[in-house]
Amino acid sequence: MFNALVVEKDDEGKTSASVQQIGEDRLPEGEVTVAVEYSTVNYKDGLCIGPGGGLVRNYPHVPGIDFAGTVEASDDDRYKPGDKVVLTGWRVGEAYWGGYSQKARVKADWLVPLPKGLDTRQAMAVGTAGFTAMLAVQALEDHGMAPGQGEVLVTGAAGGVGSVATAILANLGYEVAGVTGRPETGDYLKGLGATRIVPREEINETVKRPLETETWAGCVDAVGGAMLARVLGQMKYGASVAAVGLAGGAALPATVIPFLLRGVNLLGIDSVMQPYDNRVRAWERIARDLPMDKLEAMVQPATLGDLPQLGRDILKGQVKGRVVVDVNA
């Protein structure tokens, strides 16, 4: 028997989450069984834990879209007992049981080896949020962004994706302007390497002009909505925006003018279904380009018992940095 956070739905459609002891026979089918060491908390986790279940289709359910741990048993030649592995994405924690458990069983194709230079705790301080941030930085670089071209904007900078993006970009030599609606996070962001703090209200409204002064050499946008529309009109000629989130809404009240007159690129970043080789490349870059001291400064420790409250908090935008869940504590 082992502990897991189990979400259940009653006859009236109400959901509840609690830590329960379950047996290995209840784990789903898969080639690899992992002794989970750490997980983390993402916005999707909040949706799955919270009222209504969000993305969950079948109950009872174990959420947790990320986990890192040690292979306990494997029917796949790529992994053997004792191997350290990481999982992010593939709808684990949504459609399939996830990492809020001391054990998980998954398809071998969904795993990647823990990269050299990271331990399992650090990997979950990174998690889907940091993995997504690295994919965004790589996409911007692949489209020509380089240090010395001007400031790079990071929206939602104090959140999980924004925190890691800020630290990576600063470490690579970029000038980073971090957007936040929480003034109290200013020192935190400067500690991660941000050179300027942009109050959210300065950039969170749609303007009638489709183009404004060319300001940003690149952007990692975790907000979407009106803020993304505004940012598109402020990009330098030929610059790119990597869109990674929609905390500000899915609608985009923008025009095509920035794309046509300034050659701006809007790059969609998906972390869920990324092919294996892309995942390995991103994790190797994370191990190399994310300063571990900056990563540690983002960490908020937690246990399985803390998850129901943290799920509510992240949906309200009240979680700063990266939560690392020790599932064995």
C-alpha atoms as a PDB file:
ATOM      1  CA  MET A   1       0.000   0.000   0.000  1.00  0.00           C
ATOM      2  CA  PHE A   2       1.138   3.548  -0.676  1.00  0.00           C
ATOM      3  CA  ASN A   3      -0.161   7.100  -0.398  1.00  0.00           C
ATOM      4  CA  ALA A   4      -1.817   9.020  -3.223  1.00  0.00           C
ATOM      5  CA  LEU A   5      -3.960  12.130  -3.576  1.00  0.00           C
ATOM      6  CA  VAL A   6      -7.262  10.786  -4.879  1.00  0.00           C
ATOM      7  CA  VAL A   7      -9.972  13.003  -6.375  1.00  0.00           C
ATOM      8  CA  GLU A   8     -13.480  11.570  -6.174  1.00  0.00           C
ATOM      9  CA  LYS A   9     -16.859  12.751  -7.452  1.00  0.00           C
ATOM     10  CA  ASP A  10     -20.115  12.139  -5.584  1.00  0.00           C
ATOM     11  CA  ASP A  11     -23.596  11.508  -6.981  1.00  0.00           C
ATOM     12  CA  GLU A  12     -24.314  15.228  -7.019  1.00  0.00           C
ATOM     13  CA  GLY A  13     -21.276  15.940  -9.166  1.00  0.00           C
ATOM     14  CA  LYS A  14     -19.189  17.492  -6.393  1.00  0.00           C
ATOM     15  CA  THR A  15     -15.518  16.584  -6.238  1.00  0.00           C
ATOM     16  CA  SER A  16     -13.259  16.175  -3.224  1.00  0.00           C
ATOM     17  CA  ALA A  17      -9.548  15.431  -2.884  1.00  0.00           C
ATOM     18  CA  SER A  18      -7.893  13.526  -0.056  1.00  0.00           C
ATOM     19  CA  VAL A  19      -4.732  11.541   0.653  1.00  0.00           C
ATOM     20  CA  GLN A  20      -5.567   7.841   0.670  1.00  0.00           C
ATOM     21  CA  GLN A  21      -3.728   4.545   0.833  1.00  0.00           C
ATOM     22  CA  ILE A  22      -4.126   2.507  -2.335  1.00  0.00           C
ATOM     23  CA  GLY A  23      -2.694  -0.753  -3.674  1.00  0.00           C
ATOM     24  CA  GLU A  24      -0.461  -1.302  -6.681  1.00  0.00           C
ATOM     25  CA  ASP A  25      -3.242  -3.308  -8.313  1.00  0.00           C
ATOM     26  CA  ARG A  26      -5.159  -0.062  -8.809  1.00  0.00           C
ATOM     27  CA  LEU A  27      -2.449   1.545 -10.934  1.00  0.00           C
ATOM     28  CA  PRO A  28      -3.260   1.832 -14.651  1.00  0.00           C
ATOM     29  CA  GLU A  29      -1.648  -0.285 -17.351  1.00  0.00           C
ATOM     30  CA  GLY A  30       1.824   0.666 -18.583  1.00  0.00           C
ATOM     31  CA  GLU A  31       5.278  -0.730 -19.238  1.00  0.00           C
ATOM     32  CA  VAL A  32       7.117   1.127 -16.480  1.00  0.00           C
ATOM     33  CA  THR A  33       6.386   1.427 -12.761  1.00  0.00           C
ATOM     34  CA  VAL A  34       8.103   4.373 -11.080  1.00  0.00           C
ATOM     35  CA  ALA A  35       8.718   5.012  -7.396  1.00  0.00           C
ATOM     36  CA  VAL A  36       7.830   8.700  -7.439  1.00  0.00           C
ATOM     37  CA  GLU A  37      10.021  11.023  -5.415  1.00  0.00           C
ATOM     38  CA  TYR A  38       8.791  14.497  -6.331  1.00  0.00           C
ATOM     39  CA  SER A  39       6.020  16.214  -8.229  1.00  0.00           C
ATOM     40  CA  THR A  40       4.967  19.839  -8.610  1.00  0.00           C
ATOM     41  CA  VAL A  41       1.917  22.078  -9.042  1.00  0.00           C
ATOM     42  CA  ASN A  42       0.826  23.546 -12.372  1.00  0.00           C
ATOM     43  CA  TYR A  43      -2.302  25.451 -13.393  1.00  0.00           C
ATOM     44  CA  LYS A  44      -3.718  22.249 -14.935  1.00  0.00           C
ATOM     45  CA  ASP A  45      -3.219  20.485 -11.603  1.00  0.00           C
ATOM     46  CA  GLY A  46      -5.319  23.150  -9.931  1.00  0.00           C
ATOM     47  CA  LEU A  47      -8.073  22.525 -12.467  1.00  0.00           C
ATOM     48  CA  CYS A  48      -7.948  18.766 -11.855  1.00  0.00           C
ATOM     49  CA  ILE A  49      -7.932  19.050  -8.053  1.00  0.00           C
ATOM     50  CA  GLY A  50     -10.497  21.826  -7.801  1.00  0.00           C
ATOM     51  CA  PRO A  51     -14.314  21.869  -7.804  1.00  0.00           C
ATOM     52  CA  GLY A  52     -15.784  20.177 -10.861  1.00  0.00           C
ATOM     53  CA  GLY A  53     -12.563  18.367 -11.695  1.00  0.00           C
ATOM     54  CA  GLY A  54     -11.644  20.554 -14.647  1.00  0.00           C
ATOM     55  CA  LEU A  55      -9.854  18.316 -17.125  1.00  0.00           C
ATOM     56  CA  VAL A  56     -10.639  14.981 -15.445  1.00  0.00           C
ATOM     57  CA  ARG A  57     -12.959  12.577 -17.278  1.00  0.00           C
ATOM     58  CA  ASN A  58     -13.003   9.473 -15.073  1.00  0.00           C
ATOM     59  CA  TYR A  59     -13.142   9.074 -11.279  1.00  0.00           C
ATOM     60  CA  PRO A  60     -11.562   8.219  -8.931  1.00  0.00           C
ATOM     61  CA  HIS A  61      -8.503  10.024 -10.264  1.00  0.00           C
ATOM     62  CA  VAL A  62      -4.917  10.724  -9.204  1.00  0.00           C
ATOM     63  CA  PRO A  63      -3.782  14.136 -10.557  1.00  0.00           C
ATOM     64  CA  GLY A  64      -0.222  15.397 -11.039  1.00  0.00           C
ATOM     65  CA  ILE A  65       0.921  16.153 -14.592  1.00  0.00           C
ATOM     66  CA  ASP A  66       4.614  15.953 -13.657  1.00  0.00           C
ATOM     67  CA  PHE A  67       6.740  13.555 -11.674  1.00  0.00           C
ATOM     68  CA  ALA A  68      10.338  12.430 -11.232  1.00  0.00           C
ATOM     69  CA  GLY A  69      11.586   9.290  -9.576  1.00  0.00           C
ATOM     70  CA  THR A  70      13.264   5.906  -9.885  1.00  0.00           C
ATOM     71  CA  VAL A  71      12.191   3.038 -12.112  1.00  0.00           C
ATOM     72  CA  GLU A  72      10.963   0.154  -9.960  1.00  0.00           C
ATOM     73  CA  ALA A  73       9.936  -2.268 -12.717  1.00  0.00           C
ATOM     74  CA  SER A  74      10.037  -2.134 -16.521  1.00  0.00           C
ATOM     75  CA  ASP A  75       8.844  -4.252 -19.440  1.00  0.00           C
ATOM     76  CA  ASP A  76      10.625  -1.934 -21.876  1.00  0.00           C
ATOM     77  CA  ASP A  77      14.295  -2.329 -22.777  1.00  0.00           C
ATOM     78  CA  ARG A  78      14.905   1.418 -22.638  1.00  0.00           C
ATOM     79  CA  TYR A  79      14.476   1.527 -18.871  1.00  0.00           C
ATOM     80  CA  LYS A  80      15.635  -0.740 -16.076  1.00  0.00           C
ATOM     81  CA  PRO A  81      15.135  -0.723 -12.297  1.00  0.00           C
ATOM     82  CA  GLY A  82      17.209   2.009 -10.705  1.00  0.00           C
ATOM     83  CA  ASP A  83      17.052   4.425 -13.660  1.00  0.00           C
ATOM     84  CA  LYS A  84      16.122   8.011 -12.803  1.00  0.00           C
ATOM     85  CA  VAL A  85      13.326   9.356 -15.013  1.00  0.00           C
ATOM     86  CA  VAL A  86      11.157  12.430 -15.576  1.00  0.00           C
ATOM     87  CA  LEU A  87       7.653  12.704 -16.950  1.00  0.00           C
ATOM     88  CA  THR A  88       5.830  15.823 -18.132  1.00  0.00           C
ATOM     89  CA  GLY A  89       2.805  16.043 -20.395  1.00  0.00           C
ATOM     90  CA  TRP A  90       1.110  13.316 -22.457  1.00  0.00           C
ATOM     91  CA  ARG A  91      -2.138  14.114 -20.561  1.00  0.00           C
ATOM     92  CA  VAL A  92      -0.823  12.248 -17.527  1.00  0.00           C
ATOM     93  CA  GLY A  93      -2.595  13.671 -14.484  1.00  0.00           C
ATOM     94  CA  GLU A  94      -5.573  14.582 -16.693  1.00  0.00           C
ATOM     95  CA  ALA A  95      -6.740  11.571 -18.733  1.00  0.00           C
ATOM     96  CA  TYR A  96      -4.340   9.174 -16.981  1.00  0.00           C
ATOM     97  CA  TRP A  97      -3.320   8.773 -13.365  1.00  0.00           C
ATOM     98  CA  GLY A  98      -0.414  11.031 -12.506  1.00  0.00           C
ATOM     99  CA  GLY A  99       2.327  11.910 -10.084  1.00  0.00           C
ATOM    100  CA  TYR A 100       0.504  12.803  -6.859  1.00  0.00           C
ATOM    101  CA  SER A 101       1.276   9.313  -5.631  1.00  0.00           C
ATOM    102  CA  GLN A 102       4.195   7.376  -4.219  1.00  0.00           C
ATOM    103  CA  LYS A 103       3.997   5.072  -7.241  1.00  0.00           C
ATOM    104  CA  ALA A 104       2.991   5.590 -10.873  1.00  0.00           C
ATOM    105  CA  ARG A 105       2.697   3.274 -13.850  1.00  0.00           C
ATOM    106  CA  VAL A 106       2.972   4.776 -17.361  1.00  0.00           C
ATOM    107  CA  LYS A 107       3.913   4.050 -20.943  1.00  0.00           C
ATOM    108  CA  ALA A 108       7.669   3.990 -21.560  1.00  0.00           C
ATOM    109  CA  ASP A 109       7.275   6.421 -24.478  1.00  0.00           C
ATOM    110  CA  TRP A 110       6.169   9.130 -22.055  1.00  0.00           C
ATOM    111  CA  LEU A 111       9.369   9.103 -19.988  1.00  0.00           C
ATOM    112  CA  VAL A 112      12.738  10.748 -20.539  1.00  0.00           C
ATOM    113  CA  PRO A 113      15.955   9.980 -18.654  1.00  0.00           C
ATOM    114  CA  LEU A 114      16.823  12.443 -15.914  1.00  0.00           C
ATOM    115  CA  PRO A 115      19.442  14.714 -17.533  1.00  0.00           C
ATOM    116  CA  LYS A 116      22.945  14.794 -16.127  1.00  0.00           C
ATOM    117  CA  GLY A 117      23.393  17.696 -13.756  1.00  0.00           C
ATOM    118  CA  LEU A 118      19.873  17.526 -12.273  1.00  0.00           C
ATOM    119  CA  ASP A 119      18.473  15.489  -9.401  1.00  0.00           C
ATOM    120  CA  THR A 120      14.805  14.529  -9.158  1.00  0.00           C
ATOM    121  CA  ARG A 121      13.949  17.399  -6.818  1.00  0.00           C
ATOM    122  CA  GLN A 122      15.494  19.948  -9.175  1.00  0.00           C
ATOM    123  CA  ALA A 123      13.703  18.352 -12.107  1.00  0.00           C
ATOM    124  CA  MET A 124      10.392  18.996 -10.390  1.00  0.00           C
ATOM    125  CA  ALA A 125      11.393  22.516  -9.466  1.00  0.00           C
ATOM    126  CA  VAL A 126      11.576  22.824 -13.260  1.00  0.00           C
ATOM    127  CA  GLY A 127       8.537  20.668 -14.131  1.00  0.00           C
ATOM    128  CA  THR A 128       6.187  21.412 -17.011  1.00  0.00           C
ATOM    129  CA  ALA A 129       6.438  25.139 -16.292  1.00  0.00           C
ATOM    130  CA  GLY A 130      10.221  25.236 -16.657  1.00  0.00           C
ATOM    131  CA  PHE A 131      10.180  22.777 -19.551  1.00  0.00           C
ATOM    132  CA  THR A 132       7.709  25.065 -21.333  1.00  0.00           C
ATOM    133  CA  ALA A 133       9.868  28.106 -20.564  1.00  0.00           C
ATOM    134  CA  MET A 134      12.879  26.404 -22.148  1.00  0.00           C
ATOM    135  CA  LEU A 135      10.867  25.451 -25.233  1.00  0.00           C
ATOM    136  CA  ALA A 136       9.830  29.102 -25.539  1.00  0.00           C
ATOM    137  CA  VAL A 137      13.397  30.387 -25.264  1.00  0.00           C
ATOM    138  CA  GLN A 138      14.555  27.849 -27.857  1.00  0.00           C
ATOM    139  CA  ALA A 139      11.765  28.867 -30.248  1.00  0.00           C
ATOM    140  CA  LEU A 140      12.678  32.547 -29.907  1.00  0.00           C
ATOM    141  CA  GLU A 141      16.350  31.763 -30.523  1.00  0.00           C
ATOM    142  CA  ASP A 142      15.461  29.585 -33.519  1.00  0.00           C
ATOM    143  CA  HIS A 143      13.693  32.646 -34.965  1.00  0.00           C
ATOM    144  CA  GLY A 144      16.707  34.902 -34.581  1.00  0.00           C
ATOM    145  CA  MET A 145      16.572  36.319 -31.064  1.00  0.00           C
ATOM    146  CA  ALA A 146      20.000  36.888 -29.532  1.00  0.00           C
ATOM    147  CA  PRO A 147      21.476  38.879 -26.643  1.00  0.00           C
ATOM    148  CA  GLY A 148      22.237  42.503 -27.397  1.00  0.00           C
ATOM    149  CA  GLN A 149      19.143  43.183 -29.514  1.00  0.00           C
ATOM    150  CA  GLY A 150      17.177  44.859 -26.744  1.00  0.00           C
ATOM    151  CA  GLU A 151      14.892  43.941 -23.866  1.00  0.00           C
ATOM    152  CA  VAL A 152      12.995  40.661 -23.781  1.00  0.00           C
ATOM    153  CA  LEU A 153       9.579  40.842 -22.143  1.00  0.00           C
ATOM    154  CA  VAL A 154       8.286  38.070 -19.861  1.00  0.00           C
ATOM    155  CA  THR A 155       4.610  38.345 -18.920  1.00  0.00           C
ATOM    156  CA  GLY A 156       3.283  36.628 -15.810  1.00  0.00           C
ATOM    157  CA  ALA A 157       6.902  36.771 -14.723  1.00  0.00           C
ATOM    158  CA  ALA A 158       6.404  35.699 -11.101  1.00  0.00           C
ATOM    159  CA  GLY A 159       4.542  32.522 -12.066  1.00  0.00           C
ATOM    160  CA  GLY A 160       6.120  29.159 -12.799  1.00  0.00           C
ATOM    161  CA  VAL A 161       6.851  29.605 -16.511  1.00  0.00           C
ATOM    162  CA  GLY A 162       7.777  33.255 -16.085  1.00  0.00           C
ATOM    163  CA  SER A 163      10.160  32.618 -13.190  1.00  0.00           C
ATOM    164  CA  VAL A 164      12.161  29.990 -15.069  1.00  0.00           C
ATOM    165  CA  ALA A 165      12.104  31.989 -18.321  1.00  0.00           C
ATOM    166  CA  THR A 166      13.417  35.043 -16.486  1.00  0.00           C
ATOM    167  CA  ALA A 167      16.273  33.093 -14.879  1.00  0.00           C
ATOM    168  CA  ILE A 168      17.263  31.332 -18.120  1.00  0.00           C
ATOM    169  CA  LEU A 169      17.157  34.485 -20.248  1.00  0.00           C
ATOM    170  CA  ALA A 170      19.148  36.501 -17.708  1.00  0.00           C
ATOM    171  CA  ASN A 171      21.750  33.733 -17.456  1.00  0.00           C
ATOM    172  CA  LEU A 172      22.096  33.737 -21.256  1.00  0.00           C
ATOM    173  CA  GLY A 173      22.856  37.465 -21.249  1.00  0.00           C
ATOM    174  CA  TYR A 174      19.473  38.954 -22.163  1.00  0.00           C
ATOM    175  CA  GLU A 175      17.989  42.095 -20.626  1.00  0.00           C
ATOM    176  CA  VAL A 176      14.725  40.889 -19.095  1.00  0.00           C
ATOM    177  CA  ALA A 177      11.684  43.039 -18.387  1.00  0.00           C
ATOM    178  CA  GLY A 178       9.271  41.160 -16.128  1.00  0.00           C
ATOM    179  CA  VAL A 179       5.546  41.938 -16.066  1.00  0.00           C
ATOM    180  CA  THR A 180       3.754  41.316 -12.780  1.00  0.00           C
ATOM    181  CA  GLY A 181       0.530  42.369 -11.126  1.00  0.00           C
ATOM    182  CA  ARG A 182       2.021  41.749  -7.692  1.00  0.00           C
ATOM    183  CA  PRO A 183       4.367  44.609  -6.731  1.00  0.00           C
ATOM    184  CA  GLU A 184       5.679  42.573  -3.791  1.00  0.00           C
ATOM    185  CA  THR A 185       7.339  40.156  -6.251  1.00  0.00           C
ATOM    186  CA  GLY A 186       9.623  42.834  -7.679  1.00  0.00           C
ATOM    187  CA  ASP A 187      12.636  41.932  -5.534  1.00  0.00           C
ATOM    188  CA  TYR A 188      12.066  38.242  -6.236  1.00  0.00           C
ATOM    189  CA  LEU A 189      12.160  38.867  -9.995  1.00  0.00           C
ATOM    190  CA  LYS A 190      15.241  41.046  -9.766  1.00  0.00           C
ATOM    191  CA  GLY A 191      16.883  38.246  -7.812  1.00  0.00           C
ATOM    192  CA  LEU A 192      16.184  35.953 -10.765  1.00  0.00           C
ATOM    193  CA  GLY A 193      17.880  38.426 -13.087  1.00  0.00           C
ATOM    194  CA  ALA A 194      15.143  40.782 -14.300  1.00  0.00           C
ATOM    195  CA  THR A 195      16.585  44.207 -15.101  1.00  0.00           C
ATOM    196  CA  ARG A 196      13.210  45.965 -15.120  1.00  0.00           C
ATOM    197  CA  ILE A 197       9.802  45.391 -13.530  1.00  0.00           C
ATOM    198  CA  VAL A 198       6.760  46.360 -15.620  1.00  0.00           C
ATOM    199  CA  PRO A 199       3.513  46.801 -13.633  1.00  0.00           C
ATOM    200  CA  ARG A 200       0.738  44.762 -15.204  1.00  0.00           C
ATOM    201  CA  GLU A 201      -1.630  47.724 -15.450  1.00  0.00           C
ATOM    202  CA  GLU A 202       0.799  49.469 -17.797  1.00  0.00           C
ATOM    203  CA  ILE A 203       0.410  46.808 -20.441  1.00  0.00           C
ATOM    204  CA  ASN A 204      -2.829  44.982 -19.688  1.00  0.00           C
ATOM    205  CA  GLU A 205      -5.261  46.889 -21.850  1.00  0.00           C
ATOM    206  CA  THR A 206      -6.134  46.940 -25.527  1.00  0.00           C
ATOM    207  CA  VAL A 207      -5.369  50.175 -27.354  1.00  0.00           C
ATOM    208  CA  LYS A 208      -6.944  51.367 -30.585  1.00  0.00           C
ATOM    209  CA  ARG A 209      -3.589  51.755 -32.334  1.00  0.00           C
ATOM    210  CA  PRO A 210      -2.457  48.459 -33.893  1.00  0.00           C
ATOM    211  CA  LEU A 211       1.192  49.557 -33.652  1.00  0.00           C
ATOM    212  CA  GLU A 212       3.065  51.347 -30.892  1.00  0.00           C
ATOM    213  CA  THR A 213       6.731  52.199 -30.403  1.00  0.00           C
ATOM    214  CA  GLU A 214       9.018  49.263 -31.199  1.00  0.00           C
ATOM    215  CA  THR A 215      10.084  48.179 -27.712  1.00  0.00           C
ATOM    216  CA  TRP A 216      10.693  44.439 -27.242  1.00  0.00           C
ATOM    217  CA  ALA A 217      13.263  42.222 -28.947  1.00  0.00           C
ATOM    218  CA  GLY A 218      11.340  39.108 -27.915  1.00  0.00           C
ATOM    219  CA  CYS A 219       8.623  37.985 -25.539  1.00  0.00           C
ATOM    220  CA  VAL A 220       7.638  34.932 -23.526  1.00  0.00           C
ATOM    221  CA  ASP A 221       3.911  35.404 -22.933  1.00  0.00           C
ATOM    222  CA  ALA A 222       2.084  33.356 -20.301  1.00  0.00           C
ATOM    223  CA  VAL A 223      -0.993  35.592 -20.175  1.00  0.00           C
ATOM    224  CA  GLY A 224      -2.627  35.827 -23.612  1.00  0.00           C
ATOM    225  CA  GLY A 225      -5.776  37.885 -24.046  1.00  0.00           C
ATOM    226  CA  ALA A 226      -5.617  41.664 -24.150  1.00  0.00           C
ATOM    227  CA  MET A 227      -2.026  41.738 -22.882  1.00  0.00           C
ATOM    228  CA  LEU A 228      -0.773  39.602 -25.757  1.00  0.00           C
ATOM    229  CA  ALA A 229      -2.670  41.793 -28.242  1.00  0.00           C
ATOM    230  CA  ARG A 230      -0.995  44.878 -26.791  1.00  0.00           C
ATOM    231  CA  VAL A 231       2.467  43.301 -26.785  1.00  0.00           C
ATOM    232  CA  LEU A 232       2.212  42.303 -30.458  1.00  0.00           C
ATOM    233  CA  GLY A 233       1.953  45.987 -31.363  1.00  0.00           C
ATOM    234  CA  GLN A 234       5.074  46.803 -29.327  1.00  0.00           C
ATOM    235  CA  MET A 235       7.443  44.213 -30.819  1.00  0.00           C
ATOM    236  CA  LYS A 236      10.504  45.290 -32.764  1.00  0.00           C
ATOM    237  CA  TYR A 237      10.645  44.594 -36.487  1.00  0.00           C
ATOM    238  CA  GLY A 238      10.969  40.850 -37.145  1.00  0.00           C
ATOM    239  CA  ALA A 239      10.794  39.969 -33.444  1.00  0.00           C
ATOM    240  CA  SER A 240       8.851  37.016 -32.057  1.00  0.00           C
ATOM    241  CA  VAL A 241       6.426  36.269 -29.232  1.00  0.00           C
ATOM    242  CA  ALA A 242       6.330  32.755 -27.771  1.00  0.00           C
ATOM    243  CA  ALA A 243       2.787  32.151 -26.502  1.00  0.00           C
ATOM    244  CA  VAL A 244       2.706  29.646 -23.642  1.00  0.00           C
ATOM    245  CA  GLY A 245      -0.452  30.400 -21.632  1.00  0.00           C
ATOM    246  CA  LEU A 246      -3.864  32.024 -21.359  1.00  0.00           C
ATOM    247  CA  ALA A 247      -4.185  33.248 -17.787  1.00  0.00           C
ATOM    248  CA  GLY A 248      -5.678  36.448 -19.236  1.00  0.00           C
ATOM    249  CA  GLY A 249      -8.142  34.652 -21.494  1.00  0.00           C
ATOM    250  CA  ALA A 250      -8.195  32.702 -24.739  1.00  0.00           C
ATOM    251  CA  ALA A 251      -9.586  35.520 -26.912  1.00  0.00           C
ATOM    252  CA  LEU A 252      -7.053  37.617 -28.833  1.00  0.00           C
ATOM    253  CA  PRO A 253      -8.414  41.121 -29.546  1.00  0.00           C
ATOM    254  CA  ALA A 254      -5.659  41.951 -32.038  1.00  0.00           C
ATOM    255  CA  THR A 255      -5.218  42.864 -35.707  1.00  0.00           C
ATOM    256  CA  VAL A 256      -2.931  41.365 -38.352  1.00  0.00           C
ATOM    257  CA  ILE A 257      -1.077  44.683 -38.751  1.00  0.00           C
ATOM    258  CA  PRO A 258       1.963  43.746 -36.565  1.00  0.00           C
ATOM    259  CA  PHE A 259       2.457  40.615 -38.669  1.00  0.00           C
ATOM    260  CA  LEU A 260       2.124  42.437 -41.994  1.00  0.00           C
ATOM    261  CA  LEU A 261       3.959  45.701 -41.324  1.00  0.00           C
ATOM    262  CA  ARG A 262       6.614  44.578 -38.832  1.00  0.00           C
ATOM    263  CA  GLY A 263       7.042  40.904 -39.681  1.00  0.00           C
ATOM    264  CA  VAL A 264       6.249  39.914 -36.099  1.00  0.00           C
ATOM    265  CA  ASN A 265       6.059  36.170 -35.404  1.00  0.00           C
ATOM    266  CA  LEU A 266       3.601  34.579 -32.986  1.00  0.00           C
ATOM    267  CA  LEU A 267       4.997  31.192 -31.945  1.00  0.00           C
ATOM    268  CA  GLY A 268       2.716  28.673 -30.271  1.00  0.00           C
ATOM    269  CA  ILE A 269       4.441  26.563 -27.606  1.00  0.00           C
ATOM    270  CA  ASP A 270       3.019  23.155 -26.723  1.00  0.00           C
ATOM    271  CA  SER A 271       4.702  21.087 -24.027  1.00  0.00           C
ATOM    272  CA  VAL A 272       2.215  18.210 -23.780  1.00  0.00           C
ATOM    273  CA  MET A 273       2.812  16.276 -27.006  1.00  0.00           C
ATOM    274  CA  GLN A 274       6.416  17.257 -27.751  1.00  0.00           C
ATOM    275  CA  PRO A 275       8.379  14.474 -29.498  1.00  0.00           C
ATOM    276  CA  TYR A 276      11.024  12.617 -27.510  1.00  0.00           C
ATOM    277  CA  ASP A 277      14.055  14.223 -29.208  1.00  0.00           C
ATOM    278  CA  ASN A 278      12.725  17.723 -28.560  1.00  0.00           C
ATOM    279  CA  ARG A 279      12.172  16.826 -24.917  1.00  0.00           C
ATOM    280  CA  VAL A 280      15.716  15.553 -24.473  1.00  0.00           C
ATOM    281  CA  ARG A 281      17.128  18.670 -26.164  1.00  0.00           C
ATOM    282  CA  ALA A 282      15.128  20.969 -23.890  1.00  0.00           C
ATOM    283  CA  TRP A 283      16.039  19.087 -20.707  1.00  0.00           C
ATOM    284  CA  GLU A 284      19.724  19.142 -21.636  1.00  0.00           C
ATOM    285  CA  ARG A 285      19.507  22.905 -22.169  1.00  0.00           C
ATOM    286  CA  ILE A 286      17.766  23.306 -18.809  1.00  0.00           C
ATOM    287  CA  ALA A 287      20.555  21.438 -17.032  1.00  0.00           C
ATOM    288  CA  ARG A 288      23.101  23.697 -18.730  1.00  0.00           C
ATOM    289  CA  ASP A 289      21.431  27.112 -18.882  1.00  0.00           C
ATOM    290  CA  LEU A 290      19.262  27.358 -15.751  1.00  0.00           C
ATOM    291  CA  PRO A 291      21.336  28.472 -12.733  1.00  0.00           C
ATOM    292  CA  MET A 292      20.643  26.072  -9.882  1.00  0.00           C
ATOM    293  CA  ASP A 293      20.888  28.797  -7.248  1.00  0.00           C
ATOM    294  CA  LYS A 294      18.189  30.769  -9.055  1.00  0.00           C
ATOM    295  CA  LEU A 295      16.080  27.617  -9.339  1.00  0.00           C
ATOM    296  CA  GLU A 296      16.355  27.027  -5.593  1.00  0.00           C
ATOM    297  CA  ALA A 297      15.182  30.591  -4.943  1.00  0.00           C
ATOM    298  CA  MET A 298      11.908  29.765  -6.713  1.00  0.00           C
ATOM    299  CA  VAL A 299      11.103  26.665  -4.667  1.00  0.00           C
ATOM    300  CA  GLN A 300       8.176  26.358  -2.261  1.00  0.00           C
ATOM    301  CA  PRO A 301       8.193  22.901  -0.585  1.00  0.00           C
ATOM    302  CA  ALA A 302       4.961  20.973  -0.136  1.00  0.00           C
ATOM    303  CA  THR A 303       3.510  17.538   0.707  1.00  0.00           C
ATOM    304  CA  LEU A 304       0.560  15.568  -0.668  1.00  0.00           C
ATOM    305  CA  GLY A 305      -1.590  16.958   2.120  1.00  0.00           C
ATOM    306  CA  ASP A 306      -0.917  20.533   0.993  1.00  0.00           C
ATOM    307  CA  LEU A 307      -2.187  19.939  -2.546  1.00  0.00           C
ATOM    308  CA  PRO A 308      -5.928  20.693  -2.176  1.00  0.00           C
ATOM    309  CA  GLN A 309      -5.153  24.202  -0.915  1.00  0.00           C
ATOM    310  CA  LEU A 310      -2.333  24.750  -3.416  1.00  0.00           C
ATOM    311  CA  GLY A 311      -4.685  23.717  -6.208  1.00  0.00           C
ATOM    312  CA  ARG A 312      -7.066  26.483  -5.177  1.00  0.00           C
ATOM    313  CA  ASP A 313      -4.251  28.990  -4.748  1.00  0.00           C
ATOM    314  CA  ILE A 314      -2.713  28.500  -8.187  1.00  0.00           C
ATOM    315  CA  LEU A 315      -6.075  29.064  -9.879  1.00  0.00           C
ATOM    316  CA  LYS A 316      -6.247  32.425  -8.093  1.00  0.00           C
ATOM    317  CA  GLY A 317      -2.740  33.399  -9.191  1.00  0.00           C
ATOM    318  CA  GLN A 318      -1.487  33.186  -5.610  1.00  0.00           C
ATOM    319  CA  VAL A 319       1.405  30.758  -6.120  1.00  0.00           C
ATOM    320  CA  LYS A 320       4.834  32.306  -6.648  1.00  0.00           C
ATOM    321  CA  GLY A 321       7.653  30.450  -8.336  1.00  0.00           C
ATOM    322  CA  ARG A 322       7.731  26.653  -8.281  1.00  0.00           C
ATOM    323  CA  VAL A 323       6.120  24.263  -5.810  1.00  0.00           C
ATOM    324  CA  VAL A 324       8.067  21.032  -5.205  1.00  0.00           C
ATOM    325  CA  VAL A 325       5.912  18.256  -3.749  1.00  0.00           C
ATOM    326  CA  ASP A 326       7.736  15.585  -1.761  1.00  0.00           C
ATOM    327  CA  VAL A 327       5.243  12.737  -2.161  1.00  0.00           C
ATOM    328  CA  ASN A 328       7.004  10.685   0.528  1.00  0.00           C
ATOM    329  CA  ALA A 329       6.999  13.329   3.250  1.00  0.00           C
END
